[in-house]
């Protein structure tokens, strides 16, 4: 079983098109549930639906863990 990692990140650059979070090489090739929420001086907006992504998708697959399902 893997530990649950939780990040809350505030990005103040309105021109930002993406953000990278380093999770460490032992957490590569694992699924992560992510969601986003906008905010402005009037408050927070609604949260997006949760989307499952894989960490290290852009990396070349080497030493991929073998998990039994």
PDB file of N, CA and C in Angstrom:
ATOM      1  N   UNK A   1       0.849  -1.168   0.000  1.00  0.00           N
ATOM      2  CA  UNK A   1       0.000   0.000   0.000  1.00  0.00           C
ATOM      3  C   UNK A   1       0.900   1.237   0.000  1.00  0.00           C
ATOM      4  N   UNK A   2       0.501   2.243  -0.759  1.00  0.00           N
ATOM      5  CA  UNK A   2       1.265   3.474  -0.864  1.00  0.00           C
ATOM      6  C   UNK A   2       0.672   4.536   0.057  1.00  0.00           C
ATOM      7  N   UNK A   3       1.542   5.384   0.563  1.00  0.00           N
ATOM      8  CA  UNK A   3       1.094   6.487   1.406  1.00  0.00           C
ATOM      9  C   UNK A   3       0.301   7.484   0.575  1.00  0.00           C
ATOM     10  N   UNK A   4      -0.619   8.157   1.193  1.00  0.00           N
ATOM     11  CA  UNK A   4      -1.408   9.180   0.520  1.00  0.00           C
ATOM     12  C   UNK A   4      -0.656  10.500   0.613  1.00  0.00           C
ATOM     13  N   UNK A   5      -0.403  11.106  -0.547  1.00  0.00           N
ATOM     14  CA  UNK A   5       0.259  12.405  -0.599  1.00  0.00           C
ATOM     15  C   UNK A   5      -0.794  13.451  -0.907  1.00  0.00           C
ATOM     16  N   UNK A   6      -0.736  14.559  -0.207  1.00  0.00           N
ATOM     17  CA  UNK A   6      -1.706  15.622  -0.434  1.00  0.00           C
ATOM     18  C   UNK A   6      -0.953  16.929  -0.590  1.00  0.00           C
ATOM     19  N   UNK A   7      -1.232  17.622  -1.678  1.00  0.00           N
ATOM     20  CA  UNK A   7      -0.596  18.903  -1.949  1.00  0.00           C
ATOM     21  C   UNK A   7      -1.672  19.951  -2.174  1.00  0.00           C
ATOM     22  N   UNK A   8      -1.469  21.119  -1.626  1.00  0.00           N
ATOM     23  CA  UNK A   8      -2.300  22.270  -1.949  1.00  0.00           C
ATOM     24  C   UNK A   8      -1.336  23.350  -2.410  1.00  0.00           C
ATOM     25  N   UNK A   9      -1.486  23.770  -3.651  1.00  0.00           N
ATOM     26  CA  UNK A   9      -0.548  24.698  -4.254  1.00  0.00           C
ATOM     27  C   UNK A   9      -1.299  25.920  -4.750  1.00  0.00           C
ATOM     28  N   UNK A  10      -0.788  27.080  -4.434  1.00  0.00           N
ATOM     29  CA  UNK A  10      -1.387  28.325  -4.917  1.00  0.00           C
ATOM     30  C   UNK A  10      -0.466  28.900  -5.985  1.00  0.00           C
ATOM     31  N   UNK A  11      -1.013  29.131  -7.164  1.00  0.00           N
ATOM     32  CA  UNK A  11      -0.254  29.696  -8.276  1.00  0.00           C
ATOM     33  C   UNK A  11      -0.792  31.099  -8.520  1.00  0.00           C
ATOM     34  N   UNK A  12       0.045  32.093  -8.321  1.00  0.00           N
ATOM     35  CA  UNK A  12      -0.388  33.486  -8.443  1.00  0.00           C
ATOM     36  C   UNK A  12      -0.163  34.085  -9.826  1.00  0.00           C
ATOM     37  N   UNK A  13       0.466  33.365 -10.725  1.00  0.00           N
ATOM     38  CA  UNK A  13       0.738  33.846 -12.078  1.00  0.00           C
ATOM     39  C   UNK A  13      -0.448  33.509 -12.976  1.00  0.00           C
ATOM     40  N   UNK A  14      -1.240  34.502 -13.344  1.00  0.00           N
ATOM     41  CA  UNK A  14      -2.441  34.249 -14.152  1.00  0.00           C
ATOM     42  C   UNK A  14      -2.114  33.769 -15.560  1.00  0.00           C
ATOM     43  N   UNK A  15      -0.864  33.892 -16.006  1.00  0.00           N
ATOM     44  CA  UNK A  15      -0.498  33.420 -17.347  1.00  0.00           C
ATOM     45  C   UNK A  15       0.039  31.991 -17.318  1.00  0.00           C
ATOM     46  N   UNK A  16       0.122  31.369 -16.148  1.00  0.00           N
ATOM     47  CA  UNK A  16       0.653  30.002 -16.040  1.00  0.00           C
ATOM     48  C   UNK A  16      -0.256  29.027 -16.779  1.00  0.00           C
ATOM     49  N   UNK A  17       0.350  28.156 -17.583  1.00  0.00           N
ATOM     50  CA  UNK A  17      -0.433  27.164 -18.326  1.00  0.00           C
ATOM     51  C   UNK A  17      -0.291  25.765 -17.733  1.00  0.00           C
ATOM     52  N   UNK A  18       0.678  25.557 -16.848  1.00  0.00           N
ATOM     53  CA  UNK A  18       0.848  24.266 -16.187  1.00  0.00           C
ATOM     54  C   UNK A  18       1.697  24.445 -14.935  1.00  0.00           C
ATOM     55  N   UNK A  19       1.704  23.418 -14.108  1.00  0.00           N
ATOM     56  CA  UNK A  19       2.505  23.427 -12.887  1.00  0.00           C
ATOM     57  C   UNK A  19       3.012  22.011 -12.659  1.00  0.00           C
ATOM     58  N   UNK A  20       4.248  21.877 -12.228  1.00  0.00           N
ATOM     59  CA  UNK A  20       4.854  20.570 -11.989  1.00  0.00           C
ATOM     60  C   UNK A  20       5.098  20.404 -10.500  1.00  0.00           C
ATOM     61  N   UNK A  21       4.673  19.277  -9.961  1.00  0.00           N
ATOM     62  CA  UNK A  21       4.924  18.935  -8.564  1.00  0.00           C
ATOM     63  C   UNK A  21       5.884  17.753  -8.550  1.00  0.00           C
ATOM     64  N   UNK A  22       6.971  17.866  -7.813  1.00  0.00           N
ATOM     65  CA  UNK A  22       7.932  16.769  -7.703  1.00  0.00           C
ATOM     66  C   UNK A  22       7.476  15.836  -6.587  1.00  0.00           C
ATOM     67  N   UNK A  23       7.233  14.576  -6.940  1.00  0.00           N
ATOM     68  CA  UNK A  23       6.747  13.601  -5.962  1.00  0.00           C
ATOM     69  C   UNK A  23       7.836  12.610  -5.552  1.00  0.00           C
ATOM     70  N   UNK A  24       8.987  12.680  -6.184  1.00  0.00           N
ATOM     71  CA  UNK A  24      10.085  11.769  -5.856  1.00  0.00           C
ATOM     72  C   UNK A  24      10.044  10.509  -6.704  1.00  0.00           C
ATOM     73  N   UNK A  25      11.203   9.978  -7.030  1.00  0.00           N
ATOM     74  CA  UNK A  25      11.288   8.847  -7.959  1.00  0.00           C
ATOM     75  C   UNK A  25      10.602   7.591  -7.448  1.00  0.00           C
ATOM     76  N   UNK A  26      10.458   7.430  -6.139  1.00  0.00           N
ATOM     77  CA  UNK A  26       9.763   6.241  -5.620  1.00  0.00           C
ATOM     78  C   UNK A  26       8.260   6.336  -5.839  1.00  0.00           C
ATOM     79  N   UNK A  27       7.768   7.501  -6.238  1.00  0.00           N
ATOM     80  CA  UNK A  27       6.338   7.687  -6.499  1.00  0.00           C
ATOM     81  C   UNK A  27       6.037   7.861  -7.985  1.00  0.00           C
ATOM     82  N   UNK A  28       7.002   7.526  -8.867  1.00  0.00           N
ATOM     83  CA  UNK A  28       6.781   7.604 -10.316  1.00  0.00           C
ATOM     84  C   UNK A  28       5.856   6.475 -10.770  1.00  0.00           C
ATOM     85  N   UNK A  29       5.171   6.727 -11.883  1.00  0.00           N
ATOM     86  CA  UNK A  29       4.314   5.732 -12.554  1.00  0.00           C
ATOM     87  C   UNK A  29       3.168   5.263 -11.666  1.00  0.00           C
ATOM     88  N   UNK A  30       2.687   6.141 -10.822  1.00  0.00           N
ATOM     89  CA  UNK A  30       1.554   5.830  -9.955  1.00  0.00           C
ATOM     90  C   UNK A  30       0.402   6.775 -10.276  1.00  0.00           C
ATOM     91  N   UNK A  31      -0.835   6.333 -10.056  1.00  0.00           N
ATOM     92  CA  UNK A  31      -1.976   7.221 -10.309  1.00  0.00           C
ATOM     93  C   UNK A  31      -2.132   8.250  -9.185  1.00  0.00           C
ATOM     94  N   UNK A  32      -2.529   9.450  -9.585  1.00  0.00           N
ATOM     95  CA  UNK A  32      -2.829  10.527  -8.638  1.00  0.00           C
ATOM     96  C   UNK A  32      -4.168  11.140  -9.007  1.00  0.00           C
ATOM     97  N   UNK A  33      -4.996  11.399  -8.021  1.00  0.00           N
ATOM     98  CA  UNK A  33      -6.259  12.098  -8.242  1.00  0.00           C
ATOM     99  C   UNK A  33      -6.008  13.588  -8.053  1.00  0.00           C
ATOM    100  N   UNK A  34      -6.348  14.381  -9.061  1.00  0.00           N
ATOM    101  CA  UNK A  34      -6.109  15.825  -8.984  1.00  0.00           C
ATOM    102  C   UNK A  34      -7.393  16.585  -9.282  1.00  0.00           C
ATOM    103  N   UNK A  35      -7.473  17.799  -8.754  1.00  0.00           N
ATOM    104  CA  UNK A  35      -8.564  18.709  -9.085  1.00  0.00           C
ATOM    105  C   UNK A  35      -8.026  20.122  -8.942  1.00  0.00           C
ATOM    106  N   UNK A  36      -8.672  21.061  -9.606  1.00  0.00           N
ATOM    107  CA  UNK A  36      -8.239  22.446  -9.534  1.00  0.00           C
ATOM    108  C   UNK A  36      -9.393  23.316  -9.056  1.00  0.00           C
ATOM    109  N   UNK A  37      -9.027  24.486  -8.555  1.00  0.00           N
ATOM    110  CA  UNK A  37     -10.026  25.441  -8.092  1.00  0.00           C
ATOM    111  C   UNK A  37      -9.448  26.834  -8.307  1.00  0.00           C
ATOM    112  N   UNK A  38     -10.207  27.686  -8.946  1.00  0.00           N
ATOM    113  CA  UNK A  38      -9.747  29.054  -9.158  1.00  0.00           C
ATOM    114  C   UNK A  38     -10.115  29.924  -7.956  1.00  0.00           C
ATOM    115  N   UNK A  39      -9.440  31.066  -7.867  1.00  0.00           N
ATOM    116  CA  UNK A  39      -9.773  32.013  -6.807  1.00  0.00           C
ATOM    117  C   UNK A  39      -9.433  33.420  -7.293  1.00  0.00           C
ATOM    118  N   UNK A  40     -10.086  34.385  -6.707  1.00  0.00           N
ATOM    119  CA  UNK A  40      -9.828  35.802  -7.007  1.00  0.00           C
ATOM    120  C   UNK A  40     -10.187  36.607  -5.754  1.00  0.00           C
ATOM    121  N   UNK A  41     -10.094  37.927  -5.810  1.00  0.00           N
ATOM    122  CA  UNK A  41     -10.390  38.721  -4.608  1.00  0.00           C
ATOM    123  C   UNK A  41     -11.798  38.511  -4.037  1.00  0.00           C
ATOM    124  N   UNK A  42     -12.742  38.029  -4.843  1.00  0.00           N
ATOM    125  CA  UNK A  42     -14.104  37.801  -4.341  1.00  0.00           C
ATOM    126  C   UNK A  42     -14.264  36.435  -3.671  1.00  0.00           C
ATOM    127  N   UNK A  43     -13.258  35.586  -3.798  1.00  0.00           N
ATOM    128  CA  UNK A  43     -13.352  34.274  -3.156  1.00  0.00           C
ATOM    129  C   UNK A  43     -12.961  33.137  -4.083  1.00  0.00           C
ATOM    130  N   UNK A  44     -13.280  31.951  -3.637  1.00  0.00           N
ATOM    131  CA  UNK A  44     -12.948  30.732  -4.378  1.00  0.00           C
ATOM    132  C   UNK A  44     -14.065  30.372  -5.346  1.00  0.00           C
ATOM    133  N   UNK A  45     -13.661  29.800  -6.474  1.00  0.00           N
ATOM    134  CA  UNK A  45     -14.624  29.285  -7.426  1.00  0.00           C
ATOM    135  C   UNK A  45     -14.933  27.830  -7.118  1.00  0.00           C
ATOM    136  N   UNK A  46     -15.772  27.188  -7.946  1.00  0.00           N
ATOM    137  CA  UNK A  46     -16.084  25.775  -7.730  1.00  0.00           C
ATOM    138  C   UNK A  46     -14.869  24.896  -8.036  1.00  0.00           C
ATOM    139  N   UNK A  47     -14.802  23.752  -7.387  1.00  0.00           N
ATOM    140  CA  UNK A  47     -13.743  22.790  -7.665  1.00  0.00           C
ATOM    141  C   UNK A  47     -14.049  22.037  -8.950  1.00  0.00           C
ATOM    142  N   UNK A  48     -13.004  21.682  -9.687  1.00  0.00           N
ATOM    143  CA  UNK A  48     -13.193  20.868 -10.887  1.00  0.00           C
ATOM    144  C   UNK A  48     -13.508  19.435 -10.478  1.00  0.00           C
ATOM    145  N   UNK A  49     -14.035  18.648 -11.411  1.00  0.00           N
ATOM    146  CA  UNK A  49     -14.172  17.216 -11.121  1.00  0.00           C
ATOM    147  C   UNK A  49     -12.775  16.614 -10.911  1.00  0.00           C
ATOM    148  N   UNK A  50     -12.701  15.536 -10.164  1.00  0.00           N
ATOM    149  CA  UNK A  50     -11.433  14.845  -9.937  1.00  0.00           C
ATOM    150  C   UNK A  50     -11.025  14.126 -11.219  1.00  0.00           C
ATOM    151  N   UNK A  51      -9.758  14.240 -11.582  1.00  0.00           N
ATOM    152  CA  UNK A  51      -9.209  13.544 -12.749  1.00  0.00           C
ATOM    153  C   UNK A  51      -8.025  12.716 -12.268  1.00  0.00           C
ATOM    154  N   UNK A  52      -7.930  11.476 -12.704  1.00  0.00           N
ATOM    155  CA  UNK A  52      -6.812  10.612 -12.352  1.00  0.00           C
ATOM    156  C   UNK A  52      -5.740  10.740 -13.422  1.00  0.00           C
ATOM    157  N   UNK A  53      -4.526  11.063 -12.994  1.00  0.00           N
ATOM    158  CA  UNK A  53      -3.387  11.162 -13.903  1.00  0.00           C
ATOM    159  C   UNK A  53      -2.302  10.220 -13.413  1.00  0.00           C
ATOM    160  N   UNK A  54      -1.350   9.925 -14.274  1.00  0.00           N
ATOM    161  CA  UNK A  54      -0.197   9.117 -13.894  1.00  0.00           C
ATOM    162  C   UNK A  54       0.997  10.032 -13.713  1.00  0.00           C
ATOM    163  N   UNK A  55       1.752   9.831 -12.647  1.00  0.00           N
ATOM    164  CA  UNK A  55       2.958  10.623 -12.451  1.00  0.00           C
ATOM    165  C   UNK A  55       4.031  10.185 -13.432  1.00  0.00           C
ATOM    166  N   UNK A  56       4.909  11.101 -13.779  1.00  0.00           N
ATOM    167  CA  UNK A  56       6.061  10.857 -14.654  1.00  0.00           C
ATOM    168  C   UNK A  56       5.642  10.409 -16.047  1.00  0.00           C
ATOM    169  N   UNK A  57       4.496  10.861 -16.540  1.00  0.00           N
ATOM    170  CA  UNK A  57       4.048  10.458 -17.877  1.00  0.00           C
ATOM    171  C   UNK A  57       5.031  10.869 -18.965  1.00  0.00           C
ATOM    172  N   UNK A  58       5.754  11.983 -18.743  1.00  0.00           N
ATOM    173  CA  UNK A  58       6.667  12.471 -19.763  1.00  0.00           C
ATOM    174  C   UNK A  58       8.020  11.768 -19.727  1.00  0.00           C
ATOM    175  N   UNK A  59       8.283  10.986 -18.670  1.00  0.00           N
ATOM    176  CA  UNK A  59       9.571  10.307 -18.529  1.00  0.00           C
ATOM    177  C   UNK A  59       9.608   9.029 -19.343  1.00  0.00           C
ATOM    178  N   UNK A  60      10.805   8.653 -19.776  1.00  0.00           N
ATOM    179  CA  UNK A  60      10.999   7.385 -20.459  1.00  0.00           C
ATOM    180  C   UNK A  60      10.815   6.266 -19.438  1.00  0.00           C
ATOM    181  N   UNK A  61      10.049   5.225 -19.780  1.00  0.00           N
ATOM    182  CA  UNK A  61       9.736   4.158 -18.841  1.00  0.00           C
ATOM    183  C   UNK A  61      10.938   3.243 -18.653  1.00  0.00           C
ATOM    184  N   UNK A  62      11.598   3.371 -17.506  1.00  0.00           N
ATOM    185  CA  UNK A  62      12.680   2.485 -17.115  1.00  0.00           C
ATOM    186  C   UNK A  62      12.449   2.103 -15.672  1.00  0.00           C
ATOM    187  N   UNK A  63      12.757   0.899 -15.342  1.00  0.00           N
ATOM    188  CA  UNK A  63      12.580   0.401 -13.964  1.00  0.00           C
ATOM    189  C   UNK A  63      11.155   0.609 -13.458  1.00  0.00           C
ATOM    190  N   UNK A  64      10.187   0.290 -14.302  1.00  0.00           N
ATOM    191  CA  UNK A  64       8.780   0.432 -13.919  1.00  0.00           C
ATOM    192  C   UNK A  64       8.440  -0.658 -12.914  1.00  0.00           C
ATOM    193  N   UNK A  65       7.813  -0.292 -11.780  1.00  0.00           N
ATOM    194  CA  UNK A  65       7.451  -1.317 -10.799  1.00  0.00           C
ATOM    195  C   UNK A  65       6.447  -2.324 -11.370  1.00  0.00           C
ATOM    196  N   UNK A  66       6.545  -3.550 -10.947  1.00  0.00           N
ATOM    197  CA  UNK A  66       5.641  -4.599 -11.406  1.00  0.00           C
ATOM    198  C   UNK A  66       4.631  -4.857 -10.297  1.00  0.00           C
ATOM    199  N   UNK A  67       3.376  -4.435 -10.506  1.00  0.00           N
ATOM    200  CA  UNK A  67       2.342  -4.608  -9.491  1.00  0.00           C
ATOM    201  C   UNK A  67       1.384  -5.698  -9.921  1.00  0.00           C
ATOM    202  N   UNK A  68       1.021  -6.548  -8.979  1.00  0.00           N
ATOM    203  CA  UNK A  68       0.019  -7.579  -9.230  1.00  0.00           C
ATOM    204  C   UNK A  68      -1.352  -6.969  -9.028  1.00  0.00           C
ATOM    205  N   UNK A  69      -2.249  -7.208  -9.968  1.00  0.00           N
ATOM    206  CA  UNK A  69      -3.618  -6.714  -9.841  1.00  0.00           C
ATOM    207  C   UNK A  69      -4.553  -7.888  -9.756  1.00  0.00           C
TER     208      UNK A  69
END
